[in-house]
Amino acid sequence: MPLFVPGRCAENELLYPAEANDEWICDCGPGFIYHSEKDTCFAALRQGPCNIGQHLILKSSQSVPECAQNPCQDGFARYEDKCYELGTPNGPCLPILQGGGIFDVNVSTLRAECLKGTDPLSLFSLPSRCTPGSRRDRNGNCRVIYD
């Protein structure tokens, strides 16, 4: 499981456990592609280091990313011959309440698709406030504060 430690890795990188038990290495975070010429990680399907009108892709059969013509503006991707904004609910996806999802980059395949959450209402449910004298812990649970 990757970790984010401020100031430890470059932008768009996370810490990953190395093969040696006590070692950690910085590598691109999920949904990002390493570009060796720029020596940095860029978001998949975004312009990144590419020319205007192109986006960075990584074909499944290759290990080196390439700039490809993007028929859509930056931040949008083509899906069934139409351009849709990445990171948005609905678009080409069914409404979230009907089992749809968010149109974004699948971090495993680096392709744009409808991504479903584990809870269709989780995108809209804001956590309720904790009662006075308690505070939310890192797991999202309210805990009483003892002085």
C-alpha atoms as a PDB file:
ATOM      1  CA  MET A   1       0.000   0.000   0.000  1.00  0.00           C
ATOM      2  CA  PRO A   2       1.516   3.362  -1.002  1.00  0.00           C
ATOM      3  CA  LEU A   3       2.018   6.187   1.476  1.00  0.00           C
ATOM      4  CA  PHE A   4       2.050   9.956   1.107  1.00  0.00           C
ATOM      5  CA  VAL A   5       4.727  11.674   3.186  1.00  0.00           C
ATOM      6  CA  PRO A   6       4.929  15.433   2.515  1.00  0.00           C
ATOM      7  CA  GLY A   7       8.311  16.464   1.137  1.00  0.00           C
ATOM      8  CA  ARG A   8       9.633  12.915   0.789  1.00  0.00           C
ATOM      9  CA  CYS A   9       8.829  12.228  -2.880  1.00  0.00           C
ATOM     10  CA  ALA A  10       8.492  14.393  -5.974  1.00  0.00           C
ATOM     11  CA  GLU A  11       5.138  15.754  -7.143  1.00  0.00           C
ATOM     12  CA  ASN A  12       2.624  13.021  -8.124  1.00  0.00           C
ATOM     13  CA  GLU A  13       4.725  10.330  -6.410  1.00  0.00           C
ATOM     14  CA  LEU A  14       4.023   8.160  -3.377  1.00  0.00           C
ATOM     15  CA  LEU A  15       6.164   5.900  -1.201  1.00  0.00           C
ATOM     16  CA  TYR A  16       5.940   2.188  -1.958  1.00  0.00           C
ATOM     17  CA  PRO A  17       7.505  -0.671   0.023  1.00  0.00           C
ATOM     18  CA  ALA A  18      10.630  -2.032  -1.683  1.00  0.00           C
ATOM     19  CA  GLU A  19      11.586  -5.693  -1.785  1.00  0.00           C
ATOM     20  CA  ALA A  20      13.834  -5.195   1.232  1.00  0.00           C
ATOM     21  CA  ASN A  21      11.673  -5.068   4.348  1.00  0.00           C
ATOM     22  CA  ASP A  22      12.868  -1.725   5.690  1.00  0.00           C
ATOM     23  CA  GLU A  23      13.161   0.181   2.422  1.00  0.00           C
ATOM     24  CA  TRP A  24      10.698   2.422   0.640  1.00  0.00           C
ATOM     25  CA  ILE A  25      10.935   3.892  -2.852  1.00  0.00           C
ATOM     26  CA  CYS A  26       9.204   6.811  -4.534  1.00  0.00           C
ATOM     27  CA  ASP A  27       7.172   5.987  -7.633  1.00  0.00           C
ATOM     28  CA  CYS A  28       4.235   7.420  -9.559  1.00  0.00           C
ATOM     29  CA  GLY A  29       0.934   7.452  -7.725  1.00  0.00           C
ATOM     30  CA  PRO A  30      -2.112   5.582  -9.082  1.00  0.00           C
ATOM     31  CA  GLY A  31      -3.298   7.012 -12.398  1.00  0.00           C
ATOM     32  CA  PHE A  32       0.052   8.671 -13.136  1.00  0.00           C
ATOM     33  CA  ILE A  33       2.649   7.707 -15.751  1.00  0.00           C
ATOM     34  CA  TYR A  34       6.421   8.145 -15.454  1.00  0.00           C
ATOM     35  CA  HIS A  35       7.931  10.160 -18.314  1.00  0.00           C
ATOM     36  CA  SER A  36      11.689   9.479 -18.462  1.00  0.00           C
ATOM     37  CA  GLU A  37      12.624  12.503 -20.595  1.00  0.00           C
ATOM     38  CA  LYS A  38      11.064  14.882 -18.044  1.00  0.00           C
ATOM     39  CA  ASP A  39      11.933  12.591 -15.099  1.00  0.00           C
ATOM     40  CA  THR A  40       8.536  13.128 -13.512  1.00  0.00           C
ATOM     41  CA  CYS A  41       5.063  11.604 -13.269  1.00  0.00           C
ATOM     42  CA  PHE A  42       2.120  12.980 -15.228  1.00  0.00           C
ATOM     43  CA  ALA A  43      -1.593  12.176 -15.053  1.00  0.00           C
ATOM     44  CA  ALA A  44      -2.703   9.638 -17.639  1.00  0.00           C
ATOM     45  CA  LEU A  45      -4.897  10.965 -20.459  1.00  0.00           C
ATOM     46  CA  ARG A  46      -3.880  14.573 -19.725  1.00  0.00           C
ATOM     47  CA  GLN A  47      -1.647  16.873 -21.770  1.00  0.00           C
ATOM     48  CA  GLY A  48       1.285  16.602 -19.355  1.00  0.00           C
ATOM     49  CA  PRO A  49       4.558  16.905 -21.330  1.00  0.00           C
ATOM     50  CA  CYS A  50       2.793  16.553 -24.687  1.00  0.00           C
ATOM     51  CA  ASN A  51       2.068  19.227 -27.273  1.00  0.00           C
ATOM     52  CA  ILE A  52      -1.245  21.067 -27.299  1.00  0.00           C
ATOM     53  CA  GLY A  53      -3.926  18.764 -28.704  1.00  0.00           C
ATOM     54  CA  GLN A  54      -2.203  15.626 -27.406  1.00  0.00           C
ATOM     55  CA  HIS A  55      -2.407  13.569 -24.241  1.00  0.00           C
ATOM     56  CA  LEU A  56      -0.116  11.117 -22.486  1.00  0.00           C
ATOM     57  CA  ILE A  57      -1.014   7.444 -22.863  1.00  0.00           C
ATOM     58  CA  LEU A  58       0.555   4.121 -22.006  1.00  0.00           C
ATOM     59  CA  LYS A  59      -0.502   1.316 -24.317  1.00  0.00           C
ATOM     60  CA  SER A  60      -1.065  -2.000 -22.561  1.00  0.00           C
ATOM     61  CA  SER A  61       1.603  -3.716 -24.664  1.00  0.00           C
ATOM     62  CA  GLN A  62       4.271  -1.067 -23.980  1.00  0.00           C
ATOM     63  CA  SER A  63       6.275   0.194 -21.032  1.00  0.00           C
ATOM     64  CA  VAL A  64       7.155   3.607 -22.473  1.00  0.00           C
ATOM     65  CA  PRO A  65       4.428   6.275 -22.578  1.00  0.00           C
ATOM     66  CA  GLU A  66       3.711   8.239 -25.716  1.00  0.00           C
ATOM     67  CA  CYS A  67       1.931  11.394 -26.722  1.00  0.00           C
ATOM     68  CA  ALA A  68      -1.130  10.684 -28.840  1.00  0.00           C
ATOM     69  CA  GLN A  69      -3.595  12.966 -30.572  1.00  0.00           C
ATOM     70  CA  ASN A  70      -6.463  13.831 -28.233  1.00  0.00           C
ATOM     71  CA  PRO A  71      -9.691  14.543 -30.121  1.00  0.00           C
ATOM     72  CA  CYS A  72     -10.981  16.310 -26.998  1.00  0.00           C
ATOM     73  CA  GLN A  73      -9.697  19.272 -25.015  1.00  0.00           C
ATOM     74  CA  ASP A  74      -7.356  18.637 -22.083  1.00  0.00           C
ATOM     75  CA  GLY A  75      -9.227  17.198 -19.114  1.00  0.00           C
ATOM     76  CA  PHE A  76     -11.718  15.438 -21.381  1.00  0.00           C
ATOM     77  CA  ALA A  77     -11.599  11.970 -22.913  1.00  0.00           C
ATOM     78  CA  ARG A  78     -13.399  10.267 -25.755  1.00  0.00           C
ATOM     79  CA  TYR A  79     -15.992   7.629 -24.949  1.00  0.00           C
ATOM     80  CA  GLU A  80     -18.246   6.135 -27.628  1.00  0.00           C
ATOM     81  CA  ASP A  81     -17.362   8.929 -30.098  1.00  0.00           C
ATOM     82  CA  LYS A  82     -18.106  11.814 -27.711  1.00  0.00           C
ATOM     83  CA  CYS A  83     -15.924  13.903 -25.386  1.00  0.00           C
ATOM     84  CA  TYR A  84     -16.669  13.870 -21.666  1.00  0.00           C
ATOM     85  CA  GLU A  85     -14.964  15.651 -18.794  1.00  0.00           C
ATOM     86  CA  LEU A  86     -12.797  13.417 -16.615  1.00  0.00           C
ATOM     87  CA  GLY A  87     -13.569  13.203 -12.905  1.00  0.00           C
ATOM     88  CA  THR A  88     -17.249  14.017 -13.215  1.00  0.00           C
ATOM     89  CA  PRO A  89     -20.352  12.012 -12.318  1.00  0.00           C
ATOM     90  CA  ASN A  90     -22.780  10.972 -15.019  1.00  0.00           C
ATOM     91  CA  GLY A  91     -21.407  12.032 -18.438  1.00  0.00           C
ATOM     92  CA  PRO A  92     -21.514   8.753 -20.338  1.00  0.00           C
ATOM     93  CA  CYS A  93     -22.237   6.890 -17.086  1.00  0.00           C
ATOM     94  CA  LEU A  94     -25.610   6.122 -15.597  1.00  0.00           C
ATOM     95  CA  PRO A  95     -26.616   8.427 -12.752  1.00  0.00           C
ATOM     96  CA  ILE A  96     -24.862   7.429  -9.546  1.00  0.00           C
ATOM     97  CA  LEU A  97     -28.144   6.662  -7.781  1.00  0.00           C
ATOM     98  CA  GLN A  98     -28.949   4.189 -10.567  1.00  0.00           C
ATOM     99  CA  GLY A  99     -25.669   2.302 -10.159  1.00  0.00           C
ATOM    100  CA  GLY A 100     -23.632   4.514 -12.461  1.00  0.00           C
ATOM    101  CA  GLY A 101     -20.424   6.220 -11.562  1.00  0.00           C
ATOM    102  CA  ILE A 102     -17.807   8.827 -12.291  1.00  0.00           C
ATOM    103  CA  PHE A 103     -16.157   9.103 -15.685  1.00  0.00           C
ATOM    104  CA  ASP A 104     -12.441   9.046 -14.954  1.00  0.00           C
ATOM    105  CA  VAL A 105      -9.179   7.193 -15.507  1.00  0.00           C
ATOM    106  CA  ASN A 106      -9.115   3.614 -14.247  1.00  0.00           C
ATOM    107  CA  VAL A 107      -5.828   3.472 -12.311  1.00  0.00           C
ATOM    108  CA  SER A 108      -5.292  -0.177 -13.272  1.00  0.00           C
ATOM    109  CA  THR A 109      -5.851   0.089 -17.028  1.00  0.00           C
ATOM    110  CA  LEU A 110      -5.122   3.833 -17.498  1.00  0.00           C
ATOM    111  CA  ARG A 111      -8.221   4.018 -19.713  1.00  0.00           C
ATOM    112  CA  ALA A 112     -11.203   6.345 -19.274  1.00  0.00           C
ATOM    113  CA  GLU A 113     -14.336   4.568 -18.102  1.00  0.00           C
ATOM    114  CA  CYS A 114     -17.253   4.742 -15.704  1.00  0.00           C
ATOM    115  CA  LEU A 115     -15.888   4.040 -12.241  1.00  0.00           C
ATOM    116  CA  LYS A 116     -18.272   2.866  -9.572  1.00  0.00           C
ATOM    117  CA  GLY A 117     -17.834   3.561  -5.880  1.00  0.00           C
ATOM    118  CA  THR A 118     -18.559   1.026  -3.190  1.00  0.00           C
ATOM    119  CA  ASP A 119     -21.482   3.084  -1.949  1.00  0.00           C
ATOM    120  CA  PRO A 120     -23.603   4.948  -4.511  1.00  0.00           C
ATOM    121  CA  LEU A 121     -24.449   7.606  -1.940  1.00  0.00           C
ATOM    122  CA  SER A 122     -20.897   8.082  -0.667  1.00  0.00           C
ATOM    123  CA  LEU A 123     -20.239  10.895  -3.124  1.00  0.00           C
ATOM    124  CA  PHE A 124     -23.041  12.948  -1.640  1.00  0.00           C
ATOM    125  CA  SER A 125     -23.080  11.967   2.038  1.00  0.00           C
ATOM    126  CA  LEU A 126     -21.212  14.372   4.177  1.00  0.00           C
ATOM    127  CA  PRO A 127     -20.255  13.074   7.603  1.00  0.00           C
ATOM    128  CA  SER A 128     -22.440  14.406  10.377  1.00  0.00           C
ATOM    129  CA  ARG A 129     -20.806  16.554  12.999  1.00  0.00           C
ATOM    130  CA  CYS A 130     -19.456  14.913  16.096  1.00  0.00           C
ATOM    131  CA  THR A 131     -21.166  15.738  19.370  1.00  0.00           C
ATOM    132  CA  PRO A 132     -19.615  18.460  21.539  1.00  0.00           C
ATOM    133  CA  GLY A 133     -16.588  17.109  23.406  1.00  0.00           C
ATOM    134  CA  SER A 134     -15.704  14.594  20.710  1.00  0.00           C
ATOM    135  CA  ARG A 135     -13.630  14.634  17.551  1.00  0.00           C
ATOM    136  CA  ARG A 136     -13.499  12.541  14.398  1.00  0.00           C
ATOM    137  CA  ASP A 137     -10.496  10.166  14.241  1.00  0.00           C
ATOM    138  CA  ARG A 138      -8.600   9.163  11.090  1.00  0.00           C
ATOM    139  CA  ASN A 139     -11.097   6.349  10.441  1.00  0.00           C
ATOM    140  CA  GLY A 140     -14.011   8.770  10.398  1.00  0.00           C
ATOM    141  CA  ASN A 141     -15.390   7.725  13.803  1.00  0.00           C
ATOM    142  CA  CYS A 142     -16.351  10.218  16.509  1.00  0.00           C
ATOM    143  CA  ARG A 143     -14.333   9.723  19.698  1.00  0.00           C
ATOM    144  CA  VAL A 144     -14.744  11.439  23.063  1.00  0.00           C
ATOM    145  CA  ILE A 145     -11.810  13.703  23.926  1.00  0.00           C
ATOM    146  CA  TYR A 146     -10.416  13.271  27.446  1.00  0.00           C
ATOM    147  CA  ASP A 147      -8.307  16.072  28.867  1.00  0.00           C
END
